[in-house]
């Protein structure tokens, strides 16, 4: 034998890239992808058209239900009507959150607020806050009244009336307090 037989056979490797053309499977996948993109674009355009239609409907409904504002009076307000309007607007602009927060701070387990309301006094020129509550004793009412007078928002509160009542077999004191309206200025 010759020495050649001991040598391995040459390996035929080709490292030059060979460009293959697209096959049927590649074209089929490309067509399926384009079809899916077309479906999504059509859904997007339909949703966009529906959204635009809804926006037009909402705009039309808002325009149809737009408040027209208060009608101007035919004749100007006299001084008495203007004063009444200013009084009412000053009541609406009052610091009600501060008043209710102060009421919550002064209440304790012996006192419960039953009613809080506005009232007019005399000819309606002045009004105030009227508070009605129930307490376990007159001492509890007086203690709450003292705490109320220490609060800046409730400092002008006065005891208007009180009476002893029985509710569900428990002796209670029903009381009313008044907080006169403060003069502006």
N, C-alpha and C. Protein backbone atom coordinates (compact mmCIF):
# COMPACT_ATOMS: atom_id res chain seq x y z
N UNK A 1 0.80 -1.17 0.00
CA UNK A 1 0.00 0.00 0.00
C UNK A 1 0.85 1.24 0.00
N UNK A 2 0.23 2.15 -0.52
CA UNK A 2 0.99 3.38 -0.63
C UNK A 2 0.63 4.33 0.51
N UNK A 3 1.39 5.31 0.63
CA UNK A 3 1.16 6.27 1.71
C UNK A 3 -0.07 7.13 1.44
N UNK A 4 -0.50 7.09 0.29
CA UNK A 4 -1.67 7.88 -0.04
C UNK A 4 -2.93 7.30 0.54
N UNK A 5 -3.01 6.13 0.70
CA UNK A 5 -4.23 5.53 1.21
C UNK A 5 -4.46 5.89 2.67
N UNK A 6 -3.45 6.28 3.31
CA UNK A 6 -3.59 6.66 4.70
C UNK A 6 -4.08 8.09 4.84
N UNK A 7 -3.99 8.88 3.87
CA UNK A 7 -4.43 10.27 3.93
C UNK A 7 -5.95 10.33 3.82
N UNK A 8 -6.56 11.25 4.54
CA UNK A 8 -8.02 11.36 4.43
C UNK A 8 -8.39 11.96 3.08
N UNK A 9 -9.58 11.68 2.69
CA UNK A 9 -10.07 12.18 1.43
C UNK A 9 -10.36 13.68 1.56
N UNK A 10 -10.16 14.42 0.51
CA UNK A 10 -10.42 15.87 0.61
C UNK A 10 -11.90 16.14 0.83
N UNK A 11 -12.18 17.16 1.69
CA UNK A 11 -13.56 17.56 2.01
C UNK A 11 -13.94 18.68 1.04
N UNK A 12 -15.10 18.52 0.43
CA UNK A 12 -15.54 19.53 -0.53
C UNK A 12 -16.46 20.52 0.18
N UNK A 13 -15.89 21.59 0.66
CA UNK A 13 -16.65 22.64 1.31
C UNK A 13 -16.64 23.86 0.42
N UNK A 14 -17.85 24.46 0.29
CA UNK A 14 -17.96 25.67 -0.53
C UNK A 14 -18.46 26.79 0.37
N UNK A 15 -17.62 27.75 0.68
CA UNK A 15 -17.98 28.84 1.56
C UNK A 15 -18.52 30.05 0.82
N UNK A 16 -18.73 29.97 -0.41
CA UNK A 16 -19.30 31.05 -1.20
C UNK A 16 -20.82 30.95 -1.06
N UNK A 17 -21.49 32.06 -0.60
CA UNK A 17 -22.93 31.97 -0.41
C UNK A 17 -23.65 31.83 -1.74
N UNK A 18 -24.65 31.01 -1.69
CA UNK A 18 -25.48 30.77 -2.87
C UNK A 18 -26.83 31.40 -2.58
N UNK A 19 -27.26 32.31 -3.41
CA UNK A 19 -28.54 32.99 -3.21
C UNK A 19 -29.63 32.14 -3.83
N UNK A 20 -30.60 31.79 -2.94
CA UNK A 20 -31.70 30.99 -3.42
C UNK A 20 -32.87 31.91 -3.71
N UNK A 21 -33.67 31.60 -4.61
CA UNK A 21 -34.87 32.37 -4.94
C UNK A 21 -35.98 32.03 -3.96
N UNK A 22 -36.97 32.94 -3.84
CA UNK A 22 -38.07 32.64 -2.92
C UNK A 22 -38.86 31.43 -3.39
N UNK A 23 -39.26 30.68 -2.38
CA UNK A 23 -40.03 29.49 -2.70
C UNK A 23 -41.52 29.75 -2.54
N UNK A 24 -42.29 28.75 -2.78
CA UNK A 24 -43.75 28.84 -2.69
C UNK A 24 -44.17 29.12 -1.25
N UNK A 25 -43.52 28.52 -0.30
CA UNK A 25 -43.88 28.73 1.11
C UNK A 25 -43.62 30.18 1.51
N UNK A 26 -42.51 30.76 1.04
CA UNK A 26 -42.21 32.16 1.37
C UNK A 26 -43.25 33.10 0.80
N UNK A 27 -43.62 32.87 -0.45
CA UNK A 27 -44.64 33.72 -1.07
C UNK A 27 -45.99 33.56 -0.38
N UNK A 28 -46.31 32.36 0.04
CA UNK A 28 -47.59 32.12 0.74
C UNK A 28 -47.61 32.85 2.08
N UNK A 29 -46.50 32.81 2.84
CA UNK A 29 -46.43 33.51 4.12
C UNK A 29 -46.50 35.02 3.94
N UNK A 30 -45.85 35.53 2.90
CA UNK A 30 -45.92 36.97 2.62
C UNK A 30 -47.34 37.38 2.28
N UNK A 31 -48.03 36.60 1.48
CA UNK A 31 -49.42 36.90 1.11
C UNK A 31 -50.32 36.85 2.34
N UNK A 32 -50.13 35.87 3.22
CA UNK A 32 -50.94 35.77 4.44
C UNK A 32 -50.69 36.96 5.36
N UNK A 33 -49.45 37.39 5.49
CA UNK A 33 -49.12 38.55 6.32
C UNK A 33 -49.74 39.83 5.79
N UNK A 34 -49.65 40.03 4.47
CA UNK A 34 -50.27 41.20 3.87
C UNK A 34 -51.79 41.18 4.02
N UNK A 35 -52.39 40.02 3.93
CA UNK A 35 -53.83 39.89 4.12
C UNK A 35 -54.22 40.27 5.55
N UNK A 36 -53.46 39.79 6.53
CA UNK A 36 -53.74 40.13 7.95
C UNK A 36 -53.56 41.63 8.19
N UNK A 37 -52.53 42.22 7.61
CA UNK A 37 -52.33 43.67 7.76
C UNK A 37 -53.51 44.42 7.15
N UNK A 38 -53.98 43.97 6.00
CA UNK A 38 -55.14 44.59 5.36
C UNK A 38 -56.38 44.52 6.24
N UNK A 39 -56.60 43.38 6.88
CA UNK A 39 -57.75 43.24 7.80
C UNK A 39 -57.63 44.21 8.97
N UNK A 40 -56.44 44.33 9.54
CA UNK A 40 -56.25 45.23 10.68
C UNK A 40 -56.42 46.69 10.28
N UNK A 41 -55.93 47.06 9.12
CA UNK A 41 -56.11 48.44 8.64
C UNK A 41 -57.59 48.73 8.41
N UNK A 42 -58.32 47.77 7.85
CA UNK A 42 -59.76 47.96 7.63
C UNK A 42 -60.49 48.10 8.97
N UNK A 43 -60.14 47.30 9.98
CA UNK A 43 -60.75 47.42 11.30
C UNK A 43 -60.43 48.78 11.92
N UNK A 44 -59.19 49.23 11.77
CA UNK A 44 -58.79 50.53 12.30
C UNK A 44 -59.59 51.66 11.65
N UNK A 45 -59.74 51.60 10.34
CA UNK A 45 -60.50 52.65 9.65
C UNK A 45 -61.97 52.63 10.04
N UNK A 46 -62.54 51.43 10.24
CA UNK A 46 -63.94 51.34 10.69
C UNK A 46 -64.10 51.91 12.09
N UNK A 47 -63.18 51.57 12.98
CA UNK A 47 -63.26 52.09 14.36
C UNK A 47 -63.07 53.60 14.37
N UNK A 48 -62.16 54.10 13.55
CA UNK A 48 -61.94 55.55 13.47
C UNK A 48 -63.18 56.27 12.95
N UNK A 49 -63.86 55.69 11.94
CA UNK A 49 -65.08 56.29 11.40
C UNK A 49 -66.20 56.27 12.45
N UNK A 50 -66.31 55.17 13.20
CA UNK A 50 -67.33 55.09 14.25
C UNK A 50 -67.04 56.11 15.35
N UNK A 51 -65.79 56.28 15.71
CA UNK A 51 -65.41 57.25 16.73
C UNK A 51 -65.70 58.68 16.25
N UNK A 52 -65.40 58.97 15.00
CA UNK A 52 -65.71 60.30 14.45
C UNK A 52 -67.22 60.55 14.44
N UNK A 53 -68.00 59.53 14.11
CA UNK A 53 -69.46 59.68 14.11
C UNK A 53 -69.98 59.94 15.52
N UNK A 54 -69.45 59.22 16.49
CA UNK A 54 -69.87 59.45 17.88
C UNK A 54 -69.48 60.85 18.35
N UNK A 55 -68.30 61.30 17.96
CA UNK A 55 -67.87 62.65 18.34
C UNK A 55 -68.81 63.69 17.73
N UNK A 56 -69.24 63.47 16.49
CA UNK A 56 -70.20 64.40 15.87
C UNK A 56 -71.53 64.38 16.61
N UNK A 57 -71.99 63.18 17.02
CA UNK A 57 -73.25 63.08 17.76
C UNK A 57 -73.16 63.78 19.11
N UNK A 58 -72.04 63.58 19.83
CA UNK A 58 -71.87 64.23 21.13
C UNK A 58 -71.84 65.74 20.97
N UNK A 59 -71.14 66.22 19.95
CA UNK A 59 -71.10 67.67 19.72
C UNK A 59 -72.48 68.21 19.39
N UNK A 60 -73.26 67.46 18.60
CA UNK A 60 -74.62 67.91 18.26
C UNK A 60 -75.51 67.91 19.50
N UNK A 61 -75.39 66.89 20.36
CA UNK A 61 -76.20 66.84 21.59
C UNK A 61 -75.80 67.95 22.55
N UNK A 62 -74.51 68.22 22.66
CA UNK A 62 -74.09 69.31 23.54
C UNK A 62 -74.60 70.64 23.03
N UNK A 63 -74.57 70.81 21.74
CA UNK A 63 -75.06 72.07 21.17
C UNK A 63 -76.57 72.20 21.37
N UNK A 64 -77.30 71.08 21.27
CA UNK A 64 -78.75 71.12 21.44
C UNK A 64 -79.15 71.37 22.89
N UNK A 65 -78.35 70.89 23.85
CA UNK A 65 -78.68 71.03 25.26
C UNK A 65 -77.86 72.12 25.95
N UNK A 66 -77.24 72.99 25.20
CA UNK A 66 -76.44 74.06 25.78
C UNK A 66 -77.35 75.04 26.51
N UNK A 67 -77.04 75.32 27.78
CA UNK A 67 -77.86 76.29 28.49
C UNK A 67 -77.73 77.67 27.84
N UNK A 68 -78.84 78.34 27.77
CA UNK A 68 -78.84 79.63 27.10
C UNK A 68 -78.55 80.77 28.05
N UNK A 69 -78.34 80.48 29.32
CA UNK A 69 -78.03 81.53 30.30
C UNK A 69 -79.30 82.21 30.76
N UNK A 70 -79.20 82.91 31.87
CA UNK A 70 -80.40 83.57 32.38
C UNK A 70 -80.83 84.72 31.47
N UNK A 71 -82.11 84.83 31.36
CA UNK A 71 -82.65 85.91 30.53
C UNK A 71 -82.46 87.23 31.26
N UNK A 72 -82.11 88.24 30.53
CA UNK A 72 -81.94 89.56 31.13
C UNK A 72 -83.31 90.12 31.52
N UNK A 73 -83.42 90.69 32.71
CA UNK A 73 -84.71 91.24 33.10
C UNK A 73 -85.09 92.42 32.19
N UNK A 74 -86.39 92.55 31.99
CA UNK A 74 -86.88 93.63 31.14
C UNK A 74 -86.63 94.99 31.77
N UNK A 75 -86.76 95.06 33.11
CA UNK A 75 -86.54 96.32 33.80
C UNK A 75 -85.41 96.13 34.81
N UNK A 76 -84.65 97.15 35.08
CA UNK A 76 -83.52 97.00 36.01
C UNK A 76 -84.01 96.75 37.44
N UNK A 77 -83.11 96.16 38.24
CA UNK A 77 -83.44 95.85 39.63
C UNK A 77 -83.47 97.13 40.46
N UNK A 78 -84.43 97.19 41.37
CA UNK A 78 -84.42 98.33 42.28
C UNK A 78 -83.48 98.03 43.45
N UNK A 79 -83.28 98.97 44.33
CA UNK A 79 -82.31 98.85 45.42
C UNK A 79 -82.64 97.70 46.35
N UNK A 80 -83.92 97.49 46.66
CA UNK A 80 -84.32 96.43 47.59
C UNK A 80 -84.03 95.06 46.98
N UNK A 81 -84.35 94.86 45.71
CA UNK A 81 -84.07 93.59 45.06
C UNK A 81 -82.57 93.34 44.95
N UNK A 82 -81.80 94.38 44.66
CA UNK A 82 -80.36 94.24 44.55
C UNK A 82 -79.76 93.86 45.92
N UNK A 83 -80.26 94.48 47.02
CA UNK A 83 -79.78 94.12 48.36
C UNK A 83 -80.10 92.67 48.69
N UNK A 84 -81.32 92.24 48.35
CA UNK A 84 -81.70 90.84 48.60
C UNK A 84 -80.80 89.89 47.82
N UNK A 85 -80.51 90.23 46.58
CA UNK A 85 -79.63 89.39 45.76
C UNK A 85 -78.23 89.33 46.35
N UNK A 86 -77.70 90.44 46.82
CA UNK A 86 -76.38 90.45 47.43
C UNK A 86 -76.35 89.66 48.73
N UNK A 87 -77.44 89.74 49.51
CA UNK A 87 -77.51 88.98 50.76
C UNK A 87 -77.48 87.48 50.48
N UNK A 88 -78.26 87.06 49.49
CA UNK A 88 -78.31 85.63 49.17
C UNK A 88 -76.96 85.16 48.64
N UNK A 89 -76.34 85.95 47.77
CA UNK A 89 -75.04 85.52 47.24
C UNK A 89 -73.98 85.48 48.33
N UNK A 90 -74.06 86.39 49.32
CA UNK A 90 -73.07 86.34 50.40
C UNK A 90 -73.28 85.09 51.26
N UNK A 91 -74.51 84.65 51.41
CA UNK A 91 -74.76 83.40 52.16
C UNK A 91 -74.20 82.21 51.40
N UNK A 92 -74.37 82.22 50.08
CA UNK A 92 -73.85 81.10 49.30
C UNK A 92 -72.33 81.08 49.29
N UNK A 93 -71.71 82.24 49.39
CA UNK A 93 -70.26 82.32 49.37
C UNK A 93 -69.63 82.12 50.74
N UNK A 94 -70.42 81.86 51.76
CA UNK A 94 -69.88 81.70 53.12
C UNK A 94 -68.98 80.46 53.18
N UNK A 95 -68.14 80.40 54.19
CA UNK A 95 -67.21 79.28 54.38
C UNK A 95 -67.94 78.13 55.07
N UNK A 96 -68.78 77.43 54.31
CA UNK A 96 -69.57 76.35 54.91
C UNK A 96 -68.71 75.17 55.31
N UNK A 97 -67.65 74.90 54.59
CA UNK A 97 -66.80 73.78 54.99
C UNK A 97 -66.15 74.05 56.35
N UNK A 98 -65.78 75.30 56.59
CA UNK A 98 -65.21 75.65 57.89
C UNK A 98 -66.23 75.53 59.01
N UNK A 99 -67.48 75.92 58.73
CA UNK A 99 -68.55 75.81 59.74
C UNK A 99 -68.80 74.35 60.08
N UNK A 100 -68.93 73.51 59.05
CA UNK A 100 -69.22 72.09 59.31
C UNK A 100 -68.04 71.39 59.96
N UNK A 101 -66.82 71.77 59.61
CA UNK A 101 -65.65 71.18 60.27
C UNK A 101 -65.62 71.58 61.75
N UNK A 102 -65.98 72.83 62.04
CA UNK A 102 -66.03 73.28 63.44
C UNK A 102 -67.11 72.54 64.20
N UNK A 103 -68.26 72.33 63.55
CA UNK A 103 -69.33 71.56 64.21
C UNK A 103 -68.88 70.15 64.53
N UNK A 104 -68.14 69.54 63.65
CA UNK A 104 -67.64 68.18 63.90
C UNK A 104 -66.63 68.19 65.04
N UNK A 105 -65.84 69.25 65.16
CA UNK A 105 -64.84 69.30 66.23
C UNK A 105 -65.47 69.48 67.60
N UNK A 106 -66.58 70.22 67.70
CA UNK A 106 -67.14 70.50 69.02
C UNK A 106 -68.08 69.40 69.50
N UNK A 107 -68.56 68.56 68.61
CA UNK A 107 -69.48 67.49 69.01
C UNK A 107 -68.73 66.41 69.78
N UNK A 108 -69.43 65.79 70.72
CA UNK A 108 -68.84 64.65 71.43
C UNK A 108 -69.89 63.55 71.53
N UNK A 109 -69.62 62.51 72.32
CA UNK A 109 -70.54 61.38 72.40
C UNK A 109 -71.84 61.74 73.11
N UNK A 110 -71.86 62.81 73.88
CA UNK A 110 -73.06 63.19 74.63
C UNK A 110 -74.00 64.08 73.81
N UNK A 111 -73.57 64.55 72.63
CA UNK A 111 -74.35 65.48 71.82
C UNK A 111 -74.45 64.95 70.40
N UNK A 112 -75.66 65.07 69.84
CA UNK A 112 -75.87 64.69 68.43
C UNK A 112 -76.61 65.81 67.73
N UNK A 113 -76.13 66.19 66.54
CA UNK A 113 -76.81 67.22 65.76
C UNK A 113 -77.96 66.57 65.01
N UNK A 114 -79.14 67.16 65.13
CA UNK A 114 -80.33 66.62 64.47
C UNK A 114 -80.63 67.41 63.19
N UNK A 115 -80.45 68.73 63.24
CA UNK A 115 -80.80 69.56 62.09
C UNK A 115 -79.90 70.78 62.04
N UNK A 116 -79.48 71.12 60.84
CA UNK A 116 -78.72 72.33 60.59
C UNK A 116 -79.45 73.04 59.46
N UNK A 117 -79.85 74.30 59.69
CA UNK A 117 -80.60 75.00 58.66
C UNK A 117 -80.40 76.49 58.70
N UNK A 118 -80.77 77.14 57.61
CA UNK A 118 -80.71 78.60 57.51
C UNK A 118 -82.06 79.16 57.94
N UNK A 119 -82.03 80.32 58.56
CA UNK A 119 -83.29 80.96 58.91
C UNK A 119 -83.18 82.46 58.70
N UNK A 120 -84.30 83.04 58.34
CA UNK A 120 -84.36 84.49 58.17
C UNK A 120 -84.87 85.08 59.47
N UNK A 121 -84.37 86.25 59.80
CA UNK A 121 -84.82 86.91 61.03
C UNK A 121 -85.51 88.21 60.66
N UNK A 122 -86.59 88.49 61.30
CA UNK A 122 -87.30 89.75 61.10
C UNK A 122 -87.82 89.88 59.69
N UNK A 123 -87.42 90.94 59.00
CA UNK A 123 -87.92 91.20 57.66
C UNK A 123 -87.09 90.48 56.59
N UNK A 124 -86.22 89.56 56.99
CA UNK A 124 -85.38 88.84 56.05
C UNK A 124 -84.09 89.57 55.76
N UNK A 125 -83.89 90.71 56.42
CA UNK A 125 -82.67 91.47 56.17
C UNK A 125 -81.46 90.74 56.71
N UNK A 126 -81.64 90.00 57.80
CA UNK A 126 -80.54 89.23 58.37
C UNK A 126 -81.00 87.80 58.55
N UNK A 127 -80.10 86.90 58.41
CA UNK A 127 -80.41 85.50 58.63
C UNK A 127 -79.26 84.85 59.34
N UNK A 128 -79.46 83.65 59.75
CA UNK A 128 -78.39 82.97 60.45
C UNK A 128 -78.53 81.48 60.31
N UNK A 129 -77.67 80.78 61.00
CA UNK A 129 -77.67 79.33 61.02
C UNK A 129 -78.42 78.87 62.26
N UNK A 130 -79.32 77.92 62.08
CA UNK A 130 -80.07 77.37 63.20
C UNK A 130 -79.64 75.92 63.36
N UNK A 131 -79.25 75.54 64.58
CA UNK A 131 -78.79 74.18 64.88
C UNK A 131 -79.73 73.56 65.89
N UNK A 132 -80.14 72.34 65.63
CA UNK A 132 -80.97 71.60 66.57
C UNK A 132 -80.24 70.31 66.90
N UNK A 133 -80.24 69.96 68.18
CA UNK A 133 -79.54 68.75 68.58
C UNK A 133 -80.16 68.11 69.80
N UNK A 134 -79.60 66.97 70.17
CA UNK A 134 -80.02 66.26 71.37
C UNK A 134 -78.78 65.94 72.19
N UNK A 135 -78.95 66.05 73.51
CA UNK A 135 -77.82 65.78 74.40
C UNK A 135 -78.32 64.95 75.58
N UNK A 136 -77.38 64.36 76.28
CA UNK A 136 -77.75 63.53 77.44
C UNK A 136 -78.13 64.38 78.65
N UNK A 137 -77.59 65.61 78.70
CA UNK A 137 -77.91 66.48 79.83
C UNK A 137 -77.73 67.93 79.41
N UNK A 138 -78.25 68.84 80.26
CA UNK A 138 -78.08 70.25 80.00
C UNK A 138 -76.62 70.66 80.17
N UNK A 139 -75.91 69.99 81.06
CA UNK A 139 -74.48 70.28 81.22
C UNK A 139 -73.71 69.98 79.93
N UNK A 140 -74.09 68.90 79.22
CA UNK A 140 -73.43 68.57 77.95
C UNK A 140 -73.72 69.65 76.91
N UNK A 141 -74.95 70.19 76.92
CA UNK A 141 -75.31 71.26 75.99
C UNK A 141 -74.46 72.50 76.28
N UNK A 142 -74.34 72.86 77.54
CA UNK A 142 -73.55 74.04 77.90
C UNK A 142 -72.07 73.84 77.60
N UNK A 143 -71.57 72.62 77.76
CA UNK A 143 -70.17 72.34 77.44
C UNK A 143 -69.93 72.48 75.93
N UNK A 144 -70.87 71.99 75.12
CA UNK A 144 -70.74 72.14 73.66
C UNK A 144 -70.82 73.61 73.27
N UNK A 145 -71.72 74.34 73.91
CA UNK A 145 -71.85 75.77 73.61
C UNK A 145 -70.55 76.51 73.94
N UNK A 146 -69.90 76.14 75.03
CA UNK A 146 -68.62 76.77 75.39
C UNK A 146 -67.54 76.42 74.36
N UNK A 147 -67.52 75.17 73.88
CA UNK A 147 -66.54 74.80 72.85
C UNK A 147 -66.84 75.51 71.54
N UNK A 148 -68.12 75.71 71.23
CA UNK A 148 -68.50 76.42 70.01
C UNK A 148 -68.03 77.87 70.05
N UNK A 149 -68.15 78.50 71.19
CA UNK A 149 -67.73 79.90 71.30
C UNK A 149 -66.22 80.05 71.20
N UNK A 150 -65.49 78.95 71.43
CA UNK A 150 -64.04 78.98 71.28
C UNK A 150 -63.62 78.81 69.82
N UNK A 151 -64.53 78.32 68.97
CA UNK A 151 -64.24 78.15 67.54
C UNK A 151 -64.52 79.47 66.82
N UNK A 152 -63.61 79.97 66.00
CA UNK A 152 -63.84 81.25 65.31
C UNK A 152 -65.07 81.22 64.39
N UNK A 153 -65.33 80.11 63.73
CA UNK A 153 -66.47 80.04 62.80
C UNK A 153 -67.81 80.00 63.53
N UNK A 154 -67.81 79.61 64.81
CA UNK A 154 -69.05 79.45 65.57
C UNK A 154 -69.12 80.36 66.78
N UNK A 155 -68.29 81.37 66.86
CA UNK A 155 -68.13 82.15 68.09
C UNK A 155 -69.39 82.93 68.49
N UNK A 156 -70.28 83.23 67.55
CA UNK A 156 -71.47 84.02 67.90
C UNK A 156 -72.69 83.16 68.20
N UNK A 157 -72.51 81.88 68.45
CA UNK A 157 -73.62 80.96 68.69
C UNK A 157 -74.23 81.20 70.08
N UNK A 158 -75.57 81.21 70.12
CA UNK A 158 -76.29 81.39 71.39
C UNK A 158 -77.32 80.26 71.54
N UNK A 159 -77.62 79.92 72.78
CA UNK A 159 -78.64 78.92 73.08
C UNK A 159 -80.01 79.60 73.00
N UNK A 160 -80.89 79.09 72.15
CA UNK A 160 -82.21 79.68 71.96
C UNK A 160 -83.24 79.00 72.85
N UNK A 161 -83.22 77.67 72.87
CA UNK A 161 -84.21 76.95 73.69
C UNK A 161 -83.68 75.56 74.02
N UNK A 162 -84.28 74.99 75.06
CA UNK A 162 -83.99 73.60 75.39
C UNK A 162 -85.20 73.02 76.12
N UNK A 163 -85.37 71.72 76.00
CA UNK A 163 -86.46 71.04 76.69
C UNK A 163 -86.05 69.59 76.95
N UNK A 164 -86.58 69.05 78.04
CA UNK A 164 -86.29 67.65 78.34
C UNK A 164 -87.32 66.79 77.65
N UNK A 165 -86.86 65.76 76.97
CA UNK A 165 -87.74 64.83 76.25
C UNK A 165 -87.31 63.41 76.60
N UNK A 166 -88.22 62.46 76.32
CA UNK A 166 -87.90 61.06 76.54
C UNK A 166 -87.98 60.37 75.17
N UNK A 167 -86.89 59.73 74.78
CA UNK A 167 -86.84 59.01 73.50
C UNK A 167 -86.34 57.60 73.77
N UNK A 168 -87.17 56.61 73.44
CA UNK A 168 -86.83 55.20 73.64
C UNK A 168 -86.45 54.90 75.09
N UNK A 169 -87.15 55.52 76.01
CA UNK A 169 -86.92 55.29 77.42
C UNK A 169 -85.69 55.98 77.98
N UNK A 170 -85.09 56.89 77.21
CA UNK A 170 -83.89 57.60 77.66
C UNK A 170 -84.23 59.08 77.77
N UNK A 171 -83.87 59.68 78.92
CA UNK A 171 -84.08 61.12 79.10
C UNK A 171 -83.02 61.88 78.30
N UNK A 172 -83.49 62.78 77.44
CA UNK A 172 -82.59 63.59 76.62
C UNK A 172 -82.99 65.05 76.73
N UNK A 173 -82.09 65.91 76.34
CA UNK A 173 -82.38 67.33 76.25
C UNK A 173 -82.32 67.72 74.78
N UNK A 174 -83.44 68.19 74.25
CA UNK A 174 -83.48 68.70 72.88
C UNK A 174 -83.23 70.20 72.96
N UNK A 175 -82.32 70.69 72.13
CA UNK A 175 -81.96 72.10 72.23
C UNK A 175 -81.84 72.72 70.85
N UNK A 176 -81.95 74.03 70.82
CA UNK A 176 -81.77 74.79 69.57
C UNK A 176 -80.74 75.89 69.81
N UNK A 177 -79.85 76.04 68.86
CA UNK A 177 -78.83 77.07 68.91
C UNK A 177 -78.99 77.94 67.68
N UNK A 178 -78.62 79.20 67.79
CA UNK A 178 -78.66 80.11 66.66
C UNK A 178 -77.31 80.77 66.51
N UNK A 179 -76.88 80.90 65.27
CA UNK A 179 -75.66 81.61 64.98
C UNK A 179 -76.04 82.75 64.01
N UNK A 180 -76.17 83.95 64.53
CA UNK A 180 -76.58 85.07 63.67
C UNK A 180 -75.57 85.28 62.55
N UNK A 181 -76.10 85.76 61.42
CA UNK A 181 -75.22 86.03 60.27
C UNK A 181 -74.32 87.21 60.63
N UNK A 182 -73.11 87.15 60.13
CA UNK A 182 -72.17 88.24 60.37
C UNK A 182 -72.38 89.32 59.32
N UNK A 183 -72.23 90.52 59.73
CA UNK A 183 -72.36 91.65 58.80
C UNK A 183 -71.11 91.71 57.93
N UNK A 184 -71.34 91.94 56.65
CA UNK A 184 -70.21 92.08 55.74
C UNK A 184 -69.57 93.44 55.96
N UNK A 185 -68.26 93.48 55.80
CA UNK A 185 -67.58 94.77 55.89
C UNK A 185 -66.96 94.90 57.17
